[in-house]
Every structure is written in C-alpha cells, then in structure tokens.
Amino acid sequence: MNTLKPRQLLSTKINEGVKAAIAAAIEKHRKLGESIAIWQDGKVVILTADRIPPISAEK
C-alpha cells in the first residue's frame, strides 16, 4: 500500500502554487515601482524596484 503518494502530490502542488504567488507578487512590486524587503547575509535589506531582478520564465 502506498498511502503517502497523494499527500506528497498535494504538497508538491501547494509548494508550486506558493512559489508562483510569491513570484507574481515580486513582479507586481517591480512593475509598480514598489520596494521589497529581503533577508540577505543575516540582515533585512530593502530593495528598490529598480534593483529587483525581473522574473524569468523557467519553463
């Protein structure tokens, strides 16, 4: 019996959805000229819109 497979598939779909939503939010901030905060080298860093790299199509 393989009872874990449906859960693994669901978690994969959830992870993909979360990643897509984050990418869309970052791209929206970039296009609207809004800054974002990121964690870098143990510190919070504010990136202005012109420093946010465009999201490239991965597929």
PDB file of N, CA and C in Angstrom:
ATOM      1  N   MET A   1       0.821  -1.188   0.000  1.00  0.00           N
ATOM      2  CA  MET A   1       0.000   0.000   0.000  1.00  0.00           C
ATOM      3  C   MET A   1       0.870   1.259   0.000  1.00  0.00           C
ATOM      4  N   ASN A   2       0.468   2.200  -0.802  1.00  0.00           N
ATOM      5  CA  ASN A   2       1.200   3.454  -0.874  1.00  0.00           C
ATOM      6  C   ASN A   2       0.263   4.588  -0.474  1.00  0.00           C
ATOM      7  N   THR A   3       0.189   4.847   0.822  1.00  0.00           N
ATOM      8  CA  THR A   3      -0.752   5.853   1.316  1.00  0.00           C
ATOM      9  C   THR A   3      -0.162   7.261   1.325  1.00  0.00           C
ATOM     10  N   LEU A   4       1.147   7.414   1.155  1.00  0.00           N
ATOM     11  CA  LEU A   4       1.762   8.732   1.217  1.00  0.00           C
ATOM     12  C   LEU A   4       1.760   9.466  -0.126  1.00  0.00           C
ATOM     13  N   LYS A   5       1.593   8.760  -1.208  1.00  0.00           N
ATOM     14  CA  LYS A   5       1.693   9.394  -2.510  1.00  0.00           C
ATOM     15  C   LYS A   5       0.712  10.544  -2.721  1.00  0.00           C
ATOM     16  N   PRO A   6      -0.592  10.421  -2.410  1.00  0.00           N
ATOM     17  CA  PRO A   6      -1.490  11.563  -2.593  1.00  0.00           C
ATOM     18  C   PRO A   6      -1.062  12.780  -1.775  1.00  0.00           C
ATOM     19  N   ARG A   7      -0.577  12.577  -0.566  1.00  0.00           N
ATOM     20  CA  ARG A   7      -0.129  13.689   0.274  1.00  0.00           C
ATOM     21  C   ARG A   7       1.095  14.350  -0.357  1.00  0.00           C
ATOM     22  N   GLN A   8       2.015  13.552  -0.870  1.00  0.00           N
ATOM     23  CA  GLN A   8       3.196  14.119  -1.498  1.00  0.00           C
ATOM     24  C   GLN A   8       2.803  14.924  -2.735  1.00  0.00           C
ATOM     25  N   LEU A   9       1.873  14.433  -3.498  1.00  0.00           N
ATOM     26  CA  LEU A   9       1.439  15.158  -4.680  1.00  0.00           C
ATOM     27  C   LEU A   9       0.762  16.466  -4.289  1.00  0.00           C
ATOM     28  N   LEU A  10      -0.057  16.445  -3.259  1.00  0.00           N
ATOM     29  CA  LEU A  10      -0.717  17.658  -2.799  1.00  0.00           C
ATOM     30  C   LEU A  10       0.305  18.672  -2.296  1.00  0.00           C
ATOM     31  N   SER A  11       1.281  18.224  -1.529  1.00  0.00           N
ATOM     32  CA  SER A  11       2.285  19.154  -1.017  1.00  0.00           C
ATOM     33  C   SER A  11       3.118  19.742  -2.153  1.00  0.00           C
ATOM     34  N   THR A  12       3.370  18.962  -3.173  1.00  0.00           N
ATOM     35  CA  THR A  12       4.100  19.475  -4.338  1.00  0.00           C
ATOM     36  C   THR A  12       3.293  20.556  -5.034  1.00  0.00           C
ATOM     37  N   LYS A  13       2.004  20.317  -5.203  1.00  0.00           N
ATOM     38  CA  LYS A  13       1.137  21.321  -5.832  1.00  0.00           C
ATOM     39  C   LYS A  13       1.065  22.588  -4.987  1.00  0.00           C
ATOM     40  N   ILE A  14       0.989  22.438  -3.689  1.00  0.00           N
ATOM     41  CA  ILE A  14       0.936  23.592  -2.793  1.00  0.00           C
ATOM     42  C   ILE A  14       2.233  24.393  -2.898  1.00  0.00           C
ATOM     43  N   ASN A  15       3.364  23.712  -2.859  1.00  0.00           N
ATOM     44  CA  ASN A  15       4.662  24.394  -2.967  1.00  0.00           C
ATOM     45  C   ASN A  15       4.774  25.154  -4.292  1.00  0.00           C
ATOM     46  N   GLU A  16       4.347  24.537  -5.374  1.00  0.00           N
ATOM     47  CA  GLU A  16       4.400  25.194  -6.677  1.00  0.00           C
ATOM     48  C   GLU A  16       3.502  26.429  -6.696  1.00  0.00           C
ATOM     49  N   GLY A  17       2.325  26.321  -6.093  1.00  0.00           N
ATOM     50  CA  GLY A  17       1.406  27.449  -6.031  1.00  0.00           C
ATOM     51  C   GLY A  17       1.951  28.603  -5.208  1.00  0.00           C
ATOM     52  N   VAL A  18       2.571  28.282  -4.084  1.00  0.00           N
ATOM     53  CA  VAL A  18       3.157  29.313  -3.227  1.00  0.00           C
ATOM     54  C   VAL A  18       4.299  30.018  -3.959  1.00  0.00           C
ATOM     55  N   LYS A  19       5.154  29.253  -4.622  1.00  0.00           N
ATOM     56  CA  LYS A  19       6.267  29.846  -5.370  1.00  0.00           C
ATOM     57  C   LYS A  19       5.756  30.755  -6.488  1.00  0.00           C
ATOM     58  N   ALA A  20       4.715  30.332  -7.186  1.00  0.00           N
ATOM     59  CA  ALA A  20       4.144  31.143  -8.267  1.00  0.00           C
ATOM     60  C   ALA A  20       3.538  32.433  -7.704  1.00  0.00           C
ATOM     61  N   ALA A  21       2.865  32.340  -6.565  1.00  0.00           N
ATOM     62  CA  ALA A  21       2.257  33.521  -5.951  1.00  0.00           C
ATOM     63  C   ALA A  21       3.327  34.514  -5.494  1.00  0.00           C
ATOM     64  N   ILE A  22       4.402  34.018  -4.925  1.00  0.00           N
ATOM     65  CA  ILE A  22       5.498  34.887  -4.487  1.00  0.00           C
ATOM     66  C   ILE A  22       6.140  35.568  -5.689  1.00  0.00           C
ATOM     67  N   ALA A  23       6.393  34.801  -6.746  1.00  0.00           N
ATOM     68  CA  ALA A  23       6.985  35.377  -7.955  1.00  0.00           C
ATOM     69  C   ALA A  23       6.088  36.459  -8.542  1.00  0.00           C
ATOM     70  N   ALA A  24       4.779  36.221  -8.555  1.00  0.00           N
ATOM     71  CA  ALA A  24       3.836  37.206  -9.088  1.00  0.00           C
ATOM     72  C   ALA A  24       3.827  38.469  -8.229  1.00  0.00           C
ATOM     73  N   ALA A  25       3.877  38.318  -6.917  1.00  0.00           N
ATOM     74  CA  ALA A  25       3.883  39.473  -6.020  1.00  0.00           C
ATOM     75  C   ALA A  25       5.155  40.299  -6.188  1.00  0.00           C
ATOM     76  N   ILE A  26       6.279  39.626  -6.307  1.00  0.00           N
ATOM     77  CA  ILE A  26       7.547  40.336  -6.512  1.00  0.00           C
ATOM     78  C   ILE A  26       7.534  41.079  -7.844  1.00  0.00           C
ATOM     79  N   GLU A  27       7.054  40.425  -8.881  1.00  0.00           N
ATOM     80  CA  GLU A  27       6.978  41.066 -10.198  1.00  0.00           C
ATOM     81  C   GLU A  27       6.036  42.269 -10.164  1.00  0.00           C
ATOM     82  N   LYS A  28       4.935  42.156  -9.450  1.00  0.00           N
ATOM     83  CA  LYS A  28       3.989  43.266  -9.339  1.00  0.00           C
ATOM     84  C   LYS A  28       4.659  44.459  -8.644  1.00  0.00           C
ATOM     85  N   HIS A  29       5.401  44.197  -7.572  1.00  0.00           N
ATOM     86  CA  HIS A  29       6.116  45.269  -6.884  1.00  0.00           C
ATOM     87  C   HIS A  29       7.115  45.934  -7.835  1.00  0.00           C
ATOM     88  N   ARG A  30       7.836  45.123  -8.598  1.00  0.00           N
ATOM     89  CA  ARG A  30       8.830  45.660  -9.526  1.00  0.00           C
ATOM     90  C   ARG A  30       8.162  46.567 -10.553  1.00  0.00           C
ATOM     91  N   LYS A  31       7.066  46.099 -11.138  1.00  0.00           N
ATOM     92  CA  LYS A  31       6.376  46.859 -12.182  1.00  0.00           C
ATOM     93  C   LYS A  31       5.733  48.137 -11.643  1.00  0.00           C
ATOM     94  N   LEU A  32       5.258  48.110 -10.395  1.00  0.00           N
ATOM     95  CA  LEU A  32       4.614  49.282  -9.803  1.00  0.00           C
ATOM     96  C   LEU A  32       5.604  50.252  -9.161  1.00  0.00           C
ATOM     97  N   GLY A  33       6.877  49.871  -9.156  1.00  0.00           N
ATOM     98  CA  GLY A  33       7.893  50.744  -8.578  1.00  0.00           C
ATOM     99  C   GLY A  33       7.945  50.706  -7.066  1.00  0.00           C
ATOM    100  N   GLU A  34       7.475  49.627  -6.471  1.00  0.00           N
ATOM    101  CA  GLU A  34       7.455  49.484  -5.015  1.00  0.00           C
ATOM    102  C   GLU A  34       8.643  48.667  -4.531  1.00  0.00           C
ATOM    103  N   SER A  35       9.161  49.016  -3.377  1.00  0.00           N
ATOM    104  CA  SER A  35      10.292  48.296  -2.787  1.00  0.00           C
ATOM    105  C   SER A  35       9.830  46.990  -2.147  1.00  0.00           C
ATOM    106  N   ILE A  36      10.772  46.085  -1.940  1.00  0.00           N
ATOM    107  CA  ILE A  36      10.514  44.853  -1.194  1.00  0.00           C
ATOM    108  C   ILE A  36      11.620  44.670  -0.158  1.00  0.00           C
ATOM    109  N   ALA A  37      11.322  43.935   0.883  1.00  0.00           N
ATOM    110  CA  ALA A  37      12.312  43.605   1.900  1.00  0.00           C
ATOM    111  C   ALA A  37      12.710  42.148   1.723  1.00  0.00           C
ATOM    112  N   ILE A  38      14.019  41.890   1.773  1.00  0.00           N
ATOM    113  CA  ILE A  38      14.535  40.524   1.674  1.00  0.00           C
ATOM    114  C   ILE A  38      15.506  40.278   2.821  1.00  0.00           C
ATOM    115  N   TRP A  39      15.804  39.017   3.056  1.00  0.00           N
ATOM    116  CA  TRP A  39      16.780  38.624   4.059  1.00  0.00           C
ATOM    117  C   TRP A  39      18.071  38.296   3.316  1.00  0.00           C
ATOM    118  N   GLN A  40      19.159  38.989   3.652  1.00  0.00           N
ATOM    119  CA  GLN A  40      20.426  38.775   2.952  1.00  0.00           C
ATOM    120  C   GLN A  40      21.578  38.893   3.946  1.00  0.00           C
ATOM    121  N   ASP A  41      22.394  37.871   4.018  1.00  0.00           N
ATOM    122  CA  ASP A  41      23.565  37.856   4.897  1.00  0.00           C
ATOM    123  C   ASP A  41      23.207  38.168   6.351  1.00  0.00           C
ATOM    124  N   GLY A  42      22.086  37.619   6.810  1.00  0.00           N
ATOM    125  CA  GLY A  42      21.687  37.786   8.198  1.00  0.00           C
ATOM    126  C   GLY A  42      21.052  39.124   8.526  1.00  0.00           C
ATOM    127  N   LYS A  43      20.717  39.905   7.490  1.00  0.00           N
ATOM    128  CA  LYS A  43      20.119  41.227   7.708  1.00  0.00           C
ATOM    129  C   LYS A  43      18.936  41.421   6.783  1.00  0.00           C
ATOM    130  N   VAL A  44      18.032  42.296   7.200  1.00  0.00           N
ATOM    131  CA  VAL A  44      16.934  42.699   6.336  1.00  0.00           C
ATOM    132  C   VAL A  44      17.468  43.790   5.410  1.00  0.00           C
ATOM    133  N   VAL A  45      17.243  43.591   4.106  1.00  0.00           N
ATOM    134  CA  VAL A  45      17.698  44.550   3.103  1.00  0.00           C
ATOM    135  C   VAL A  45      16.483  44.999   2.300  1.00  0.00           C
ATOM    136  N   ILE A  46      16.369  46.293   2.085  1.00  0.00           N
ATOM    137  CA  ILE A  46      15.283  46.838   1.281  1.00  0.00           C
ATOM    138  C   ILE A  46      15.793  47.008  -0.145  1.00  0.00           C
ATOM    139  N   LEU A  47      15.099  46.375  -1.087  1.00  0.00           N
ATOM    140  CA  LEU A  47      15.438  46.522  -2.497  1.00  0.00           C
ATOM    141  C   LEU A  47      14.452  47.489  -3.136  1.00  0.00           C
ATOM    142  N   THR A  48      14.975  48.525  -3.747  1.00  0.00           N
ATOM    143  CA  THR A  48      14.107  49.413  -4.507  1.00  0.00           C
ATOM    144  C   THR A  48      13.690  48.686  -5.781  1.00  0.00           C
ATOM    145  N   ALA A  49      12.631  49.147  -6.394  1.00  0.00           N
ATOM    146  CA  ALA A  49      12.080  48.463  -7.565  1.00  0.00           C
ATOM    147  C   ALA A  49      13.100  48.307  -8.681  1.00  0.00           C
ATOM    148  N   ASP A  50      13.965  49.289  -8.860  1.00  0.00           N
ATOM    149  CA  ASP A  50      14.949  49.192  -9.942  1.00  0.00           C
ATOM    150  C   ASP A  50      16.038  48.160  -9.662  1.00  0.00           C
ATOM    151  N   ARG A  51      16.130  47.667  -8.424  1.00  0.00           N
ATOM    152  CA  ARG A  51      17.116  46.631  -8.078  1.00  0.00           C
ATOM    153  C   ARG A  51      16.505  45.240  -8.013  1.00  0.00           C
ATOM    154  N   ILE A  52      15.190  45.128  -8.192  1.00  0.00           N
ATOM    155  CA  ILE A  52      14.531  43.826  -8.189  1.00  0.00           C
ATOM    156  C   ILE A  52      14.714  43.213  -9.579  1.00  0.00           C
ATOM    157  N   PRO A  53      15.369  42.050  -9.648  1.00  0.00           N
ATOM    158  CA  PRO A  53      15.567  41.440 -10.970  1.00  0.00           C
ATOM    159  C   PRO A  53      14.254  40.913 -11.540  1.00  0.00           C
ATOM    160  N   PRO A  54      14.058  41.053 -12.852  1.00  0.00           N
ATOM    161  CA  PRO A  54      12.829  40.514 -13.460  1.00  0.00           C
ATOM    162  C   PRO A  54      12.783  38.997 -13.300  1.00  0.00           C
ATOM    163  N   ILE A  55      11.576  38.483 -13.123  1.00  0.00           N
ATOM    164  CA  ILE A  55      11.384  37.036 -13.033  1.00  0.00           C
ATOM    165  C   ILE A  55      11.470  36.463 -14.441  1.00  0.00           C
ATOM    166  N   SER A  56      12.377  35.530 -14.633  1.00  0.00           N
ATOM    167  CA  SER A  56      12.495  34.910 -15.951  1.00  0.00           C
ATOM    168  C   SER A  56      11.604  33.695 -16.040  1.00  0.00           C
ATOM    169  N   ALA A  57      11.114  33.410 -17.215  1.00  0.00           N
ATOM    170  CA  ALA A  57      10.270  32.222 -17.421  1.00  0.00           C
ATOM    171  C   ALA A  57      11.145  30.986 -17.318  1.00  0.00           C
ATOM    172  N   GLU A  58      10.785  30.087 -16.394  1.00  0.00           N
ATOM    173  CA  GLU A  58      11.606  28.900 -16.156  1.00  0.00           C
ATOM    174  C   GLU A  58      11.204  27.726 -17.019  1.00  0.00           C
ATOM    175  N   LYS A  59       9.986  27.736 -17.564  1.00  0.00           N
ATOM    176  CA  LYS A  59       9.519  26.573 -18.316  1.00  0.00           C
ATOM    177  C   LYS A  59       9.282  26.928 -19.743  1.00  0.00           C
TER     178      LYS A  59
END
